[in-house]
Amino acid sequence: MKKVSILLLTITIFLGSCSSLKNVGLAPTGLETISAVKEVLNSSAFRAIKALQKLNKEGVDGFLPPEMKPVLASLKAVGLEKEMDNINMKIGKVSKIMADESAGIMADAVKEVKFKDAVAIVVGEPNAASMALKNAMYGSVKKRYSSKIEAELGKTEALKYWPMAAGAYNLFAKKKVGSSLPDFMAERAVDALFLTMEKEESKIRKDPNKLGKAVVSKVFDYYKKKKG
């Protein structure tokens, strides 16, 4: 009877140990893997926004191609200097508004995205998570940027004069720009955001433990060891 009790105790301890090992996270669950990817995306987006906020704040010069400057100058030369100055100032203000609101927009986008294979993202390229978000949400993120930009620019003559400037530019440009200023600015802003996100994600992947998120360390450490 004593031997049976010892055997049962040994089995209980063994099963308890297995359960504990499982809880420690040697094999992350699907939900944990998705959670880790989203943590990386949120952090990458936050860092990207901070980095972009430090960049060019010169209004129109921060968004338009270099070739567009002489077009804007020609519009000033025909008596639209006041209008172009107002547009320049407004675009600068819109840039700041979008920078301030980008964190909320990207946080919502990360919540909405569905990952078909989070494991493939974890073991993928240094920018795999950012690319997955971009492929899934680019259109909707750009639309939200564009609608907010249009609401602000609608308070000036920017929407009236942009087609004139864009038309003149497109006569000689190989890469055409659209006639919608909000769409053009939104596309530039979103492209810059995702490009910077990819760089920030790559930095995080080099040492995910520095992020200070247990689920990220658990998932990335596990698959790194498994891959290795």
C-alpha atoms as a PDB file:
ATOM      1  CA  MET A   1       0.000   0.000   0.000  1.00  0.00           C
ATOM      2  CA  LYS A   2       2.873   2.299   0.856  1.00  0.00           C
ATOM      3  CA  LYS A   3       4.526   1.568  -2.499  1.00  0.00           C
ATOM      4  CA  VAL A   4       1.290   2.361  -4.346  1.00  0.00           C
ATOM      5  CA  SER A   5       1.042   5.712  -2.524  1.00  0.00           C
ATOM      6  CA  ILE A   6       4.630   6.584  -3.423  1.00  0.00           C
ATOM      7  CA  LEU A   7       3.964   5.631  -7.053  1.00  0.00           C
ATOM      8  CA  LEU A   8       0.829   7.809  -7.177  1.00  0.00           C
ATOM      9  CA  LEU A   9       2.747  10.671  -5.613  1.00  0.00           C
ATOM     10  CA  THR A  10       5.527  10.301  -8.176  1.00  0.00           C
ATOM     11  CA  ILE A  11       3.020  10.291 -11.057  1.00  0.00           C
ATOM     12  CA  THR A  12       1.273  13.358  -9.612  1.00  0.00           C
ATOM     13  CA  ILE A  13       4.554  15.236  -9.296  1.00  0.00           C
ATOM     14  CA  PHE A  14       5.544  14.214 -12.826  1.00  0.00           C
ATOM     15  CA  LEU A  15       2.219  15.326 -14.307  1.00  0.00           C
ATOM     16  CA  GLY A  16       2.424  18.538 -12.331  1.00  0.00           C
ATOM     17  CA  SER A  17       5.899  19.166 -13.684  1.00  0.00           C
ATOM     18  CA  CYS A  18       4.712  18.640 -17.255  1.00  0.00           C
ATOM     19  CA  SER A  19       1.844  21.024 -16.674  1.00  0.00           C
ATOM     20  CA  SER A  20       4.224  23.587 -15.202  1.00  0.00           C
ATOM     21  CA  LEU A  21       6.579  23.282 -18.163  1.00  0.00           C
ATOM     22  CA  LYS A  22       3.652  23.810 -20.491  1.00  0.00           C
ATOM     23  CA  ASN A  23       2.566  26.885 -18.545  1.00  0.00           C
ATOM     24  CA  VAL A  24       6.103  28.262 -18.625  1.00  0.00           C
ATOM     25  CA  GLY A  25       5.579  28.575 -22.362  1.00  0.00           C
ATOM     26  CA  LEU A  26       7.977  26.170 -24.072  1.00  0.00           C
ATOM     27  CA  ALA A  27       5.340  25.900 -26.800  1.00  0.00           C
ATOM     28  CA  PRO A  28       3.418  29.195 -27.289  1.00  0.00           C
ATOM     29  CA  THR A  29      -0.254  28.968 -28.151  1.00  0.00           C
ATOM     30  CA  GLY A  30      -1.683  30.460 -31.316  1.00  0.00           C
ATOM     31  CA  LEU A  31      -3.209  33.317 -29.345  1.00  0.00           C
ATOM     32  CA  GLU A  32       0.123  34.039 -27.668  1.00  0.00           C
ATOM     33  CA  THR A  33       1.883  34.103 -31.023  1.00  0.00           C
ATOM     34  CA  ILE A  34      -0.655  36.527 -32.486  1.00  0.00           C
ATOM     35  CA  SER A  35      -0.442  38.653 -29.337  1.00  0.00           C
ATOM     36  CA  ALA A  36       3.350  38.789 -29.651  1.00  0.00           C
ATOM     37  CA  VAL A  37       3.149  39.879 -33.292  1.00  0.00           C
ATOM     38  CA  LYS A  38       0.668  42.619 -32.412  1.00  0.00           C
ATOM     39  CA  GLU A  39       2.903  43.825 -29.574  1.00  0.00           C
ATOM     40  CA  VAL A  40       5.785  44.115 -32.028  1.00  0.00           C
ATOM     41  CA  LEU A  41       3.579  45.978 -34.496  1.00  0.00           C
ATOM     42  CA  ASN A  42       2.294  48.409 -31.873  1.00  0.00           C
ATOM     43  CA  SER A  43       5.805  49.128 -30.674  1.00  0.00           C
ATOM     44  CA  SER A  44       7.142  49.467 -34.236  1.00  0.00           C
ATOM     45  CA  ALA A  45       4.332  51.870 -35.139  1.00  0.00           C
ATOM     46  CA  PHE A  46       4.882  53.967 -32.003  1.00  0.00           C
ATOM     47  CA  ARG A  47       8.620  54.204 -32.649  1.00  0.00           C
ATOM     48  CA  ALA A  48       8.050  55.004 -36.327  1.00  0.00           C
ATOM     49  CA  ILE A  49       5.645  57.827 -35.493  1.00  0.00           C
ATOM     50  CA  LYS A  50       8.106  59.302 -33.009  1.00  0.00           C
ATOM     51  CA  ALA A  51      10.875  59.142 -35.605  1.00  0.00           C
ATOM     52  CA  LEU A  52       8.724  60.786 -38.295  1.00  0.00           C
ATOM     53  CA  GLN A  53       7.647  63.569 -35.951  1.00  0.00           C
ATOM     54  CA  LYS A  54      11.269  64.662 -35.774  1.00  0.00           C
ATOM     55  CA  LEU A  55      11.596  64.933 -39.546  1.00  0.00           C
ATOM     56  CA  ASN A  56      10.873  67.739 -41.977  1.00  0.00           C
ATOM     57  CA  LYS A  57       8.209  70.156 -40.705  1.00  0.00           C
ATOM     58  CA  GLU A  58       8.432  72.658 -43.540  1.00  0.00           C
ATOM     59  CA  GLY A  59       4.907  72.164 -44.801  1.00  0.00           C
ATOM     60  CA  VAL A  60       4.586  71.603 -48.508  1.00  0.00           C
ATOM     61  CA  ASP A  61       8.317  70.937 -48.991  1.00  0.00           C
ATOM     62  CA  GLY A  62       8.051  67.907 -46.765  1.00  0.00           C
ATOM     63  CA  PHE A  63       5.484  66.182 -48.986  1.00  0.00           C
ATOM     64  CA  LEU A  64       5.945  67.200 -52.601  1.00  0.00           C
ATOM     65  CA  PRO A  65       8.533  65.851 -55.047  1.00  0.00           C
ATOM     66  CA  PRO A  66      11.489  68.223 -55.686  1.00  0.00           C
ATOM     67  CA  GLU A  67      10.256  68.663 -59.263  1.00  0.00           C
ATOM     68  CA  MET A  68       7.053  70.207 -57.924  1.00  0.00           C
ATOM     69  CA  LYS A  69       8.758  73.242 -56.424  1.00  0.00           C
ATOM     70  CA  PRO A  70       9.179  75.140 -59.717  1.00  0.00           C
ATOM     71  CA  VAL A  71       5.495  74.462 -60.475  1.00  0.00           C
ATOM     72  CA  LEU A  72       4.472  76.032 -57.170  1.00  0.00           C
ATOM     73  CA  ALA A  73       6.854  78.910 -57.863  1.00  0.00           C
ATOM     74  CA  SER A  74       5.209  79.502 -61.227  1.00  0.00           C
ATOM     75  CA  LEU A  75       1.803  79.664 -59.554  1.00  0.00           C
ATOM     76  CA  LYS A  76       3.157  82.358 -57.257  1.00  0.00           C
ATOM     77  CA  ALA A  77       4.538  84.203 -60.266  1.00  0.00           C
ATOM     78  CA  VAL A  78       1.064  84.507 -61.834  1.00  0.00           C
ATOM     79  CA  GLY A  79      -0.356  86.219 -58.763  1.00  0.00           C
ATOM     80  CA  LEU A  80      -1.167  83.316 -56.451  1.00  0.00           C
ATOM     81  CA  GLU A  81       1.572  83.980 -53.903  1.00  0.00           C
ATOM     82  CA  LYS A  82      -0.850  84.662 -51.044  1.00  0.00           C
ATOM     83  CA  GLU A  83      -2.853  81.534 -51.795  1.00  0.00           C
ATOM     84  CA  MET A  84       0.268  79.359 -52.041  1.00  0.00           C
ATOM     85  CA  ASP A  85       1.627  80.727 -48.755  1.00  0.00           C
ATOM     86  CA  ASN A  86      -1.684  79.924 -47.062  1.00  0.00           C
ATOM     87  CA  ILE A  87      -1.637  76.436 -48.540  1.00  0.00           C
ATOM     88  CA  ASN A  88       1.934  75.926 -47.377  1.00  0.00           C
ATOM     89  CA  MET A  89       1.025  76.937 -43.814  1.00  0.00           C
ATOM     90  CA  LYS A  90      -2.085  74.767 -43.790  1.00  0.00           C
ATOM     91  CA  ILE A  91      -0.223  71.698 -45.024  1.00  0.00           C
ATOM     92  CA  GLY A  92       2.286  72.230 -42.224  1.00  0.00           C
ATOM     93  CA  LYS A  93      -0.560  72.286 -39.684  1.00  0.00           C
ATOM     94  CA  VAL A  94      -2.176  69.223 -41.261  1.00  0.00           C
ATOM     95  CA  SER A  95       1.162  67.389 -41.025  1.00  0.00           C
ATOM     96  CA  LYS A  96       1.249  68.018 -37.286  1.00  0.00           C
ATOM     97  CA  ILE A  97      -2.366  66.941 -36.848  1.00  0.00           C
ATOM     98  CA  MET A  98      -1.721  63.694 -38.705  1.00  0.00           C
ATOM     99  CA  ALA A  99       1.434  63.015 -36.709  1.00  0.00           C
ATOM    100  CA  ASP A 100      -0.530  63.487 -33.483  1.00  0.00           C
ATOM    101  CA  GLU A 101      -3.390  61.239 -34.628  1.00  0.00           C
ATOM    102  CA  SER A 102      -1.259  58.547 -36.267  1.00  0.00           C
ATOM    103  CA  ALA A 103      -0.816  56.607 -33.023  1.00  0.00           C
ATOM    104  CA  GLY A 104      -4.567  56.078 -32.673  1.00  0.00           C
ATOM    105  CA  ILE A 105      -5.032  55.238 -36.345  1.00  0.00           C
ATOM    106  CA  MET A 106      -2.269  52.615 -36.309  1.00  0.00           C
ATOM    107  CA  ALA A 107      -3.412  51.135 -32.981  1.00  0.00           C
ATOM    108  CA  ASP A 108      -6.870  50.591 -34.489  1.00  0.00           C
ATOM    109  CA  ALA A 109      -5.338  49.059 -37.621  1.00  0.00           C
ATOM    110  CA  VAL A 110      -3.300  46.569 -35.571  1.00  0.00           C
ATOM    111  CA  LYS A 111      -6.444  45.528 -33.664  1.00  0.00           C
ATOM    112  CA  GLU A 112      -8.350  44.931 -36.893  1.00  0.00           C
ATOM    113  CA  VAL A 113      -5.760  42.922 -38.807  1.00  0.00           C
ATOM    114  CA  LYS A 114      -6.193  39.132 -38.989  1.00  0.00           C
ATOM    115  CA  PHE A 115      -3.085  36.951 -39.260  1.00  0.00           C
ATOM    116  CA  LYS A 116      -3.428  33.746 -41.277  1.00  0.00           C
ATOM    117  CA  ASP A 117      -0.105  32.401 -40.013  1.00  0.00           C
ATOM    118  CA  ALA A 118       1.446  34.319 -37.134  1.00  0.00           C
ATOM    119  CA  VAL A 119       4.217  31.727 -36.783  1.00  0.00           C
ATOM    120  CA  ALA A 120       5.341  32.370 -40.356  1.00  0.00           C
ATOM    121  CA  ILE A 121       5.583  36.075 -39.493  1.00  0.00           C
ATOM    122  CA  VAL A 122       7.636  35.384 -36.365  1.00  0.00           C
ATOM    123  CA  VAL A 123      10.154  33.234 -38.249  1.00  0.00           C
ATOM    124  CA  GLY A 124       9.975  35.365 -41.395  1.00  0.00           C
ATOM    125  CA  GLU A 125      11.932  38.326 -42.708  1.00  0.00           C
ATOM    126  CA  PRO A 126      12.935  41.224 -40.418  1.00  0.00           C
ATOM    127  CA  ASN A 127       9.971  43.244 -41.742  1.00  0.00           C
ATOM    128  CA  ALA A 128       7.439  40.398 -41.973  1.00  0.00           C
ATOM    129  CA  ALA A 129       4.984  41.781 -39.399  1.00  0.00           C
ATOM    130  CA  SER A 130       4.963  45.292 -40.874  1.00  0.00           C
ATOM    131  CA  MET A 131       4.491  43.896 -44.381  1.00  0.00           C
ATOM    132  CA  ALA A 132       1.588  41.730 -43.212  1.00  0.00           C
ATOM    133  CA  LEU A 133      -0.105  44.789 -41.710  1.00  0.00           C
ATOM    134  CA  LYS A 134       0.631  46.871 -44.807  1.00  0.00           C
ATOM    135  CA  ASN A 135      -0.801  44.245 -47.165  1.00  0.00           C
ATOM    136  CA  ALA A 136      -3.937  43.896 -45.055  1.00  0.00           C
ATOM    137  CA  MET A 137      -4.614  47.493 -44.036  1.00  0.00           C
ATOM    138  CA  TYR A 138      -2.882  49.868 -46.478  1.00  0.00           C
ATOM    139  CA  GLY A 139      -6.085  50.895 -48.235  1.00  0.00           C
ATOM    140  CA  SER A 140      -8.108  51.493 -45.073  1.00  0.00           C
ATOM    141  CA  VAL A 141      -5.278  53.355 -43.307  1.00  0.00           C
ATOM    142  CA  LYS A 142      -4.727  55.571 -46.339  1.00  0.00           C
ATOM    143  CA  LYS A 143      -8.478  56.296 -46.525  1.00  0.00           C
ATOM    144  CA  ARG A 144      -8.544  57.436 -42.892  1.00  0.00           C
ATOM    145  CA  TYR A 145      -5.529  59.674 -43.434  1.00  0.00           C
ATOM    146  CA  SER A 146      -7.024  61.097 -46.615  1.00  0.00           C
ATOM    147  CA  SER A 147     -10.402  61.919 -45.072  1.00  0.00           C
ATOM    148  CA  LYS A 148      -8.783  63.784 -42.166  1.00  0.00           C
ATOM    149  CA  ILE A 149      -6.426  65.665 -44.484  1.00  0.00           C
ATOM    150  CA  GLU A 150      -9.286  66.636 -46.815  1.00  0.00           C
ATOM    151  CA  ALA A 151     -11.322  67.987 -43.904  1.00  0.00           C
ATOM    152  CA  GLU A 152      -8.454  70.288 -42.915  1.00  0.00           C
ATOM    153  CA  LEU A 153      -7.387  71.350 -46.400  1.00  0.00           C
ATOM    154  CA  GLY A 154     -11.000  72.104 -47.284  1.00  0.00           C
ATOM    155  CA  LYS A 155     -10.648  75.204 -45.117  1.00  0.00           C
ATOM    156  CA  THR A 156      -8.189  76.707 -47.637  1.00  0.00           C
ATOM    157  CA  GLU A 157      -7.847  77.096 -51.414  1.00  0.00           C
ATOM    158  CA  ALA A 158      -5.480  74.091 -51.504  1.00  0.00           C
ATOM    159  CA  LEU A 159      -8.000  71.726 -53.090  1.00  0.00           C
ATOM    160  CA  LYS A 160      -8.772  74.304 -55.764  1.00  0.00           C
ATOM    161  CA  TYR A 161      -5.182  74.940 -56.860  1.00  0.00           C
ATOM    162  CA  TRP A 162      -3.679  71.484 -56.475  1.00  0.00           C
ATOM    163  CA  PRO A 163      -5.155  70.058 -59.739  1.00  0.00           C
ATOM    164  CA  MET A 164      -3.594  73.014 -61.587  1.00  0.00           C
ATOM    165  CA  ALA A 165      -0.169  72.327 -60.064  1.00  0.00           C
ATOM    166  CA  ALA A 166      -0.443  68.571 -60.477  1.00  0.00           C
ATOM    167  CA  GLY A 167      -1.528  68.918 -64.099  1.00  0.00           C
ATOM    168  CA  ALA A 168       1.473  71.092 -64.921  1.00  0.00           C
ATOM    169  CA  TYR A 169       3.803  68.662 -63.151  1.00  0.00           C
ATOM    170  CA  ASN A 170       2.360  65.611 -64.918  1.00  0.00           C
ATOM    171  CA  LEU A 171       3.059  67.107 -68.342  1.00  0.00           C
ATOM    172  CA  PHE A 172       6.774  66.426 -67.869  1.00  0.00           C
ATOM    173  CA  ALA A 173       6.957  63.834 -65.090  1.00  0.00           C
ATOM    174  CA  LYS A 174       7.543  60.142 -65.692  1.00  0.00           C
ATOM    175  CA  LYS A 175       5.854  59.255 -62.423  1.00  0.00           C
ATOM    176  CA  LYS A 176       2.514  61.028 -62.357  1.00  0.00           C
ATOM    177  CA  VAL A 177       0.798  62.378 -59.266  1.00  0.00           C
ATOM    178  CA  GLY A 178      -2.930  62.202 -58.651  1.00  0.00           C
ATOM    179  CA  SER A 179      -5.246  65.162 -58.914  1.00  0.00           C
ATOM    180  CA  SER A 180      -6.412  64.662 -55.308  1.00  0.00           C
ATOM    181  CA  LEU A 181      -4.155  66.467 -52.824  1.00  0.00           C
ATOM    182  CA  PRO A 182      -5.560  64.591 -49.774  1.00  0.00           C
ATOM    183  CA  ASP A 183      -4.920  61.228 -51.471  1.00  0.00           C
ATOM    184  CA  PHE A 184      -1.429  62.297 -52.527  1.00  0.00           C
ATOM    185  CA  MET A 185      -0.493  63.456 -49.029  1.00  0.00           C
ATOM    186  CA  ALA A 186      -2.079  60.388 -47.433  1.00  0.00           C
ATOM    187  CA  GLU A 187      -0.161  58.048 -49.722  1.00  0.00           C
ATOM    188  CA  ARG A 188       3.132  59.783 -48.964  1.00  0.00           C
ATOM    189  CA  ALA A 189       2.436  59.740 -45.222  1.00  0.00           C
ATOM    190  CA  VAL A 190       1.388  56.078 -45.113  1.00  0.00           C
ATOM    191  CA  ASP A 191       4.322  54.961 -47.274  1.00  0.00           C
ATOM    192  CA  ALA A 192       6.737  56.785 -44.982  1.00  0.00           C
ATOM    193  CA  LEU A 193       5.077  55.315 -41.907  1.00  0.00           C
ATOM    194  CA  PHE A 194       5.239  51.704 -43.076  1.00  0.00           C
ATOM    195  CA  LEU A 195       8.806  52.084 -44.333  1.00  0.00           C
ATOM    196  CA  THR A 196       9.889  53.430 -40.945  1.00  0.00           C
ATOM    197  CA  MET A 197       7.887  50.713 -39.182  1.00  0.00           C
ATOM    198  CA  GLU A 198       9.815  48.060 -41.084  1.00  0.00           C
ATOM    199  CA  LYS A 199      13.109  49.524 -39.874  1.00  0.00           C
ATOM    200  CA  GLU A 200      11.876  49.683 -36.282  1.00  0.00           C
ATOM    201  CA  GLU A 201      10.571  46.108 -36.421  1.00  0.00           C
ATOM    202  CA  SER A 202      13.970  44.913 -37.602  1.00  0.00           C
ATOM    203  CA  LYS A 203      15.599  46.562 -34.575  1.00  0.00           C
ATOM    204  CA  ILE A 204      13.118  44.904 -32.198  1.00  0.00           C
ATOM    205  CA  ARG A 205      13.674  41.473 -33.725  1.00  0.00           C
ATOM    206  CA  LYS A 206      17.398  41.657 -33.048  1.00  0.00           C
ATOM    207  CA  ASP A 207      16.664  41.637 -29.311  1.00  0.00           C
ATOM    208  CA  PRO A 208      12.943  41.136 -28.582  1.00  0.00           C
ATOM    209  CA  ASN A 209      13.630  40.844 -24.847  1.00  0.00           C
ATOM    210  CA  LYS A 210      14.449  44.571 -24.726  1.00  0.00           C
ATOM    211  CA  LEU A 211      10.823  45.303 -25.527  1.00  0.00           C
ATOM    212  CA  GLY A 212       9.967  44.244 -21.992  1.00  0.00           C
ATOM    213  CA  LYS A 213       6.906  42.209 -23.008  1.00  0.00           C
ATOM    214  CA  ALA A 214       6.796  38.674 -21.613  1.00  0.00           C
ATOM    215  CA  VAL A 215       4.700  37.263 -24.446  1.00  0.00           C
ATOM    216  CA  VAL A 216       7.086  38.680 -27.062  1.00  0.00           C
ATOM    217  CA  SER A 217      10.128  37.197 -25.323  1.00  0.00           C
ATOM    218  CA  LYS A 218       8.352  33.866 -24.928  1.00  0.00           C
ATOM    219  CA  VAL A 219       7.257  33.556 -28.554  1.00  0.00           C
ATOM    220  CA  PHE A 220      10.344  34.917 -30.294  1.00  0.00           C
ATOM    221  CA  ASP A 221      12.798  33.086 -28.023  1.00  0.00           C
ATOM    222  CA  TYR A 222      10.939  29.807 -28.578  1.00  0.00           C
ATOM    223  CA  TYR A 223      10.888  30.018 -32.368  1.00  0.00           C
ATOM    224  CA  LYS A 224      14.415  31.341 -32.529  1.00  0.00           C
ATOM    225  CA  LYS A 225      15.656  28.269 -30.633  1.00  0.00           C
ATOM    226  CA  LYS A 226      13.435  25.982 -32.705  1.00  0.00           C
ATOM    227  CA  LYS A 227      14.661  27.524 -35.955  1.00  0.00           C
ATOM    228  CA  GLY A 228      18.254  27.379 -34.769  1.00  0.00           C
END
